[in-house]
Amino acid sequence: MNTRFSLHEQFPEAVKAIRALHVFGTDSKLNIIQKELIKIRASQINQCAYCIDMHTRDARKYGETEQRIYLLNAWRETTLYTPAERALLAMTEEVTQIGQQGLSDKTYQDVIAHFGMDGTAQILMAIVQINTWNRIAISLNYQFNK
């Protein structure tokens, strides 16, 4: 399976627009690990090997543990994740799988309680952005580093 083309080369304006969705500055309500958990979990759901590889490497670099990375797809069955992380993971799953039920009121309220309105908006945009990248990487057969 070969990469079909590079969106970065063919349509750099599109890449710039997608990157503009990145709303995390110094005033972010999320820490770097929380951001990576969103990226990894959405990429697992979408089965994007390229993004899973990239973001698990990044998470390790930022101090995430192997155990938490390995258990991320079963986060409900472990106590390794904080209540705030559990809320953002639930939101990540519900938004990524939007056609199943949408974002439930319970999850929305949990996320608001932990992150406030600004943090919830930042989480939503992080989920939207990684889902966009997943769809690009899968559609264009992006290959991960072996």
C-alpha atoms as a PDB file:
ATOM      1  CA  MET A   1       0.000   0.000   0.000  1.00  0.00           C
ATOM      2  CA  ASN A   2       1.573   3.248  -1.135  1.00  0.00           C
ATOM      3  CA  THR A   3       0.703   6.768  -0.126  1.00  0.00           C
ATOM      4  CA  ARG A   4      -1.594   8.174  -2.798  1.00  0.00           C
ATOM      5  CA  PHE A   5      -0.336  11.758  -2.596  1.00  0.00           C
ATOM      6  CA  SER A   6       0.774  14.308  -0.050  1.00  0.00           C
ATOM      7  CA  LEU A   7      -1.949  16.758   0.875  1.00  0.00           C
ATOM      8  CA  HIS A   8       0.825  19.030   2.177  1.00  0.00           C
ATOM      9  CA  GLU A   9       2.240  19.237  -1.354  1.00  0.00           C
ATOM     10  CA  GLN A  10      -0.980  19.141  -3.397  1.00  0.00           C
ATOM     11  CA  PHE A  11      -3.137  21.472  -1.336  1.00  0.00           C
ATOM     12  CA  PRO A  12      -1.087  23.357   1.287  1.00  0.00           C
ATOM     13  CA  GLU A  13      -3.937  25.815   1.851  1.00  0.00           C
ATOM     14  CA  ALA A  14      -6.127  22.976   3.118  1.00  0.00           C
ATOM     15  CA  VAL A  15      -3.418  21.848   5.536  1.00  0.00           C
ATOM     16  CA  LYS A  16      -3.074  25.418   6.786  1.00  0.00           C
ATOM     17  CA  ALA A  17      -6.846  25.619   7.359  1.00  0.00           C
ATOM     18  CA  ILE A  18      -6.897  22.339   9.288  1.00  0.00           C
ATOM     19  CA  ARG A  19      -3.974  23.465  11.413  1.00  0.00           C
ATOM     20  CA  ALA A  20      -5.894  26.667  12.162  1.00  0.00           C
ATOM     21  CA  LEU A  21      -8.383  24.513  14.087  1.00  0.00           C
ATOM     22  CA  HIS A  22      -5.636  24.044  16.644  1.00  0.00           C
ATOM     23  CA  VAL A  23      -6.826  26.399  19.367  1.00  0.00           C
ATOM     24  CA  PHE A  24      -4.396  25.512  22.126  1.00  0.00           C
ATOM     25  CA  GLY A  25      -2.275  28.384  23.253  1.00  0.00           C
ATOM     26  CA  THR A  26      -0.755  29.160  26.584  1.00  0.00           C
ATOM     27  CA  ASP A  27      -4.244  29.641  28.027  1.00  0.00           C
ATOM     28  CA  SER A  28      -5.386  26.101  27.181  1.00  0.00           C
ATOM     29  CA  LYS A  29      -7.515  24.306  29.746  1.00  0.00           C
ATOM     30  CA  LEU A  30      -5.904  21.022  28.661  1.00  0.00           C
ATOM     31  CA  ASN A  31      -2.476  19.693  29.446  1.00  0.00           C
ATOM     32  CA  ILE A  32      -0.327  18.017  26.817  1.00  0.00           C
ATOM     33  CA  ILE A  33      -1.211  14.489  27.981  1.00  0.00           C
ATOM     34  CA  GLN A  34      -4.942  15.202  27.780  1.00  0.00           C
ATOM     35  CA  LYS A  35      -4.472  16.491  24.240  1.00  0.00           C
ATOM     36  CA  GLU A  36      -2.620  13.329  23.243  1.00  0.00           C
ATOM     37  CA  LEU A  37      -5.255  11.077  24.865  1.00  0.00           C
ATOM     38  CA  ILE A  38      -7.880  12.695  22.635  1.00  0.00           C
ATOM     39  CA  LYS A  39      -5.732  12.148  19.539  1.00  0.00           C
ATOM     40  CA  ILE A  40      -4.908   8.535  20.364  1.00  0.00           C
ATOM     41  CA  ARG A  41      -8.449   7.519  21.321  1.00  0.00           C
ATOM     42  CA  ALA A  42     -10.075   9.047  18.232  1.00  0.00           C
ATOM     43  CA  SER A  43      -7.386   7.481  16.048  1.00  0.00           C
ATOM     44  CA  GLN A  44      -8.026   4.067  17.648  1.00  0.00           C
ATOM     45  CA  ILE A  45     -11.748   4.345  16.923  1.00  0.00           C
ATOM     46  CA  ASN A  46     -11.044   5.397  13.327  1.00  0.00           C
ATOM     47  CA  GLN A  47      -8.358   2.703  12.957  1.00  0.00           C
ATOM     48  CA  CYS A  48      -5.789   5.185  11.717  1.00  0.00           C
ATOM     49  CA  ALA A  49      -2.455   3.391  12.192  1.00  0.00           C
ATOM     50  CA  TYR A  50      -0.478   6.429  11.034  1.00  0.00           C
ATOM     51  CA  CYS A  51      -2.007   8.710  13.684  1.00  0.00           C
ATOM     52  CA  ILE A  52      -1.961   6.073  16.445  1.00  0.00           C
ATOM     53  CA  ASP A  53       1.744   5.579  15.844  1.00  0.00           C
ATOM     54  CA  MET A  54       2.457   9.320  15.786  1.00  0.00           C
ATOM     55  CA  HIS A  55       0.460  10.222  18.870  1.00  0.00           C
ATOM     56  CA  THR A  56       1.514   7.287  21.042  1.00  0.00           C
ATOM     57  CA  ARG A  57       5.123   8.277  20.319  1.00  0.00           C
ATOM     58  CA  ASP A  58       4.313  11.882  21.216  1.00  0.00           C
ATOM     59  CA  ALA A  59       2.501  10.842  24.399  1.00  0.00           C
ATOM     60  CA  ARG A  60       5.514   8.804  25.534  1.00  0.00           C
ATOM     61  CA  LYS A  61       7.776  11.765  24.800  1.00  0.00           C
ATOM     62  CA  TYR A  62       5.561  13.960  27.011  1.00  0.00           C
ATOM     63  CA  GLY A  63       5.646  11.461  29.883  1.00  0.00           C
ATOM     64  CA  GLU A  64       2.608   9.252  29.350  1.00  0.00           C
ATOM     65  CA  THR A  65       3.063   5.712  30.666  1.00  0.00           C
ATOM     66  CA  GLU A  66       3.055   2.570  28.561  1.00  0.00           C
ATOM     67  CA  GLN A  67       0.331   1.067  30.729  1.00  0.00           C
ATOM     68  CA  ARG A  68      -2.081   3.952  30.180  1.00  0.00           C
ATOM     69  CA  ILE A  69      -1.409   3.925  26.443  1.00  0.00           C
ATOM     70  CA  TYR A  70      -2.005   0.155  26.251  1.00  0.00           C
ATOM     71  CA  LEU A  71      -5.241   0.389  28.226  1.00  0.00           C
ATOM     72  CA  LEU A  72      -6.667   3.460  26.527  1.00  0.00           C
ATOM     73  CA  ASN A  73      -9.100   1.508  24.376  1.00  0.00           C
ATOM     74  CA  ALA A  74     -10.479  -0.022  27.618  1.00  0.00           C
ATOM     75  CA  TRP A  75     -10.420   3.153  29.747  1.00  0.00           C
ATOM     76  CA  ARG A  76     -13.842   2.438  31.268  1.00  0.00           C
ATOM     77  CA  GLU A  77     -12.560  -0.797  32.793  1.00  0.00           C
ATOM     78  CA  THR A  78      -9.614   0.725  34.650  1.00  0.00           C
ATOM     79  CA  THR A  79      -9.011   3.324  37.334  1.00  0.00           C
ATOM     80  CA  LEU A  80      -5.849   4.656  35.656  1.00  0.00           C
ATOM     81  CA  TYR A  81      -7.605   7.730  34.246  1.00  0.00           C
ATOM     82  CA  THR A  82      -8.759  10.722  36.275  1.00  0.00           C
ATOM     83  CA  PRO A  83     -12.422  11.775  36.314  1.00  0.00           C
ATOM     84  CA  ALA A  84     -11.531  14.707  34.023  1.00  0.00           C
ATOM     85  CA  GLU A  85      -9.751  12.381  31.573  1.00  0.00           C
ATOM     86  CA  ARG A  86     -12.715   9.998  31.651  1.00  0.00           C
ATOM     87  CA  ALA A  87     -15.033  12.861  30.733  1.00  0.00           C
ATOM     88  CA  LEU A  88     -12.891  13.996  27.807  1.00  0.00           C
ATOM     89  CA  LEU A  89     -12.486  10.399  26.604  1.00  0.00           C
ATOM     90  CA  ALA A  90     -16.261   9.898  26.687  1.00  0.00           C
ATOM     91  CA  MET A  91     -16.692  13.100  24.681  1.00  0.00           C
ATOM     92  CA  THR A  92     -13.988  11.989  22.247  1.00  0.00           C
ATOM     93  CA  GLU A  93     -15.799   8.716  21.618  1.00  0.00           C
ATOM     94  CA  GLU A  94     -19.252  10.263  21.280  1.00  0.00           C
ATOM     95  CA  VAL A  95     -18.133  13.001  18.892  1.00  0.00           C
ATOM     96  CA  THR A  96     -15.945  10.633  16.854  1.00  0.00           C
ATOM     97  CA  GLN A  97     -18.884   8.225  16.532  1.00  0.00           C
ATOM     98  CA  ILE A  98     -21.375  11.067  16.080  1.00  0.00           C
ATOM     99  CA  GLY A  99     -23.806   8.956  14.051  1.00  0.00           C
ATOM    100  CA  GLN A 100     -24.459   6.540  16.900  1.00  0.00           C
ATOM    101  CA  GLN A 101     -26.032   8.885  19.440  1.00  0.00           C
ATOM    102  CA  GLY A 102     -24.321  12.231  19.226  1.00  0.00           C
ATOM    103  CA  LEU A 103     -22.881  13.986  22.242  1.00  0.00           C
ATOM    104  CA  SER A 104     -25.051  13.003  25.196  1.00  0.00           C
ATOM    105  CA  ASP A 105     -26.242  15.551  27.730  1.00  0.00           C
ATOM    106  CA  LYS A 106     -24.563  13.565  30.525  1.00  0.00           C
ATOM    107  CA  THR A 107     -21.164  13.607  28.843  1.00  0.00           C
ATOM    108  CA  TYR A 108     -21.536  17.255  27.913  1.00  0.00           C
ATOM    109  CA  GLN A 109     -22.345  18.188  31.518  1.00  0.00           C
ATOM    110  CA  ASP A 110     -19.433  16.081  32.838  1.00  0.00           C
ATOM    111  CA  VAL A 111     -16.995  17.830  30.509  1.00  0.00           C
ATOM    112  CA  ILE A 112     -18.369  21.274  31.402  1.00  0.00           C
ATOM    113  CA  ALA A 113     -18.004  20.433  35.111  1.00  0.00           C
ATOM    114  CA  HIS A 114     -14.328  19.518  34.675  1.00  0.00           C
ATOM    115  CA  PHE A 115     -13.189  21.957  32.000  1.00  0.00           C
ATOM    116  CA  GLY A 116     -15.700  24.806  31.853  1.00  0.00           C
ATOM    117  CA  MET A 117     -17.112  26.216  28.644  1.00  0.00           C
ATOM    118  CA  ASP A 118     -13.722  27.284  27.225  1.00  0.00           C
ATOM    119  CA  GLY A 119     -12.155  23.902  27.924  1.00  0.00           C
ATOM    120  CA  THR A 120     -15.140  22.098  26.425  1.00  0.00           C
ATOM    121  CA  ALA A 121     -14.818  24.183  23.259  1.00  0.00           C
ATOM    122  CA  GLN A 122     -11.095  23.353  23.121  1.00  0.00           C
ATOM    123  CA  ILE A 123     -11.828  19.634  23.547  1.00  0.00           C
ATOM    124  CA  LEU A 124     -14.434  19.743  20.773  1.00  0.00           C
ATOM    125  CA  MET A 125     -12.023  21.415  18.375  1.00  0.00           C
ATOM    126  CA  ALA A 126      -9.256  18.926  19.255  1.00  0.00           C
ATOM    127  CA  ILE A 127     -11.645  16.056  18.477  1.00  0.00           C
ATOM    128  CA  VAL A 128     -12.739  17.655  15.202  1.00  0.00           C
ATOM    129  CA  GLN A 129      -9.141  18.264  14.169  1.00  0.00           C
ATOM    130  CA  ILE A 130      -7.869  14.722  14.835  1.00  0.00           C
ATOM    131  CA  ASN A 131     -10.894  13.211  13.117  1.00  0.00           C
ATOM    132  CA  THR A 132     -10.093  15.361  10.086  1.00  0.00           C
ATOM    133  CA  TRP A 133      -6.466  14.205  10.099  1.00  0.00           C
ATOM    134  CA  ASN A 134      -7.573  10.562  10.534  1.00  0.00           C
ATOM    135  CA  ARG A 135      -9.774  10.782   7.477  1.00  0.00           C
ATOM    136  CA  ILE A 136      -7.010  12.344   5.416  1.00  0.00           C
ATOM    137  CA  ALA A 137      -4.378   9.824   6.537  1.00  0.00           C
ATOM    138  CA  ILE A 138      -6.640   6.826   5.916  1.00  0.00           C
ATOM    139  CA  SER A 139      -7.915   8.109   2.549  1.00  0.00           C
ATOM    140  CA  LEU A 140      -4.394   8.814   1.284  1.00  0.00           C
ATOM    141  CA  ASN A 141      -2.812   5.637   2.737  1.00  0.00           C
ATOM    142  CA  TYR A 142      -0.317   7.506   4.903  1.00  0.00           C
ATOM    143  CA  GLN A 143       2.289   5.067   6.165  1.00  0.00           C
ATOM    144  CA  PHE A 144       3.615   5.011   9.700  1.00  0.00           C
ATOM    145  CA  ASN A 145       7.314   4.643  10.512  1.00  0.00           C
ATOM    146  CA  LYS A 146       8.129   0.988  11.000  1.00  0.00           C
END
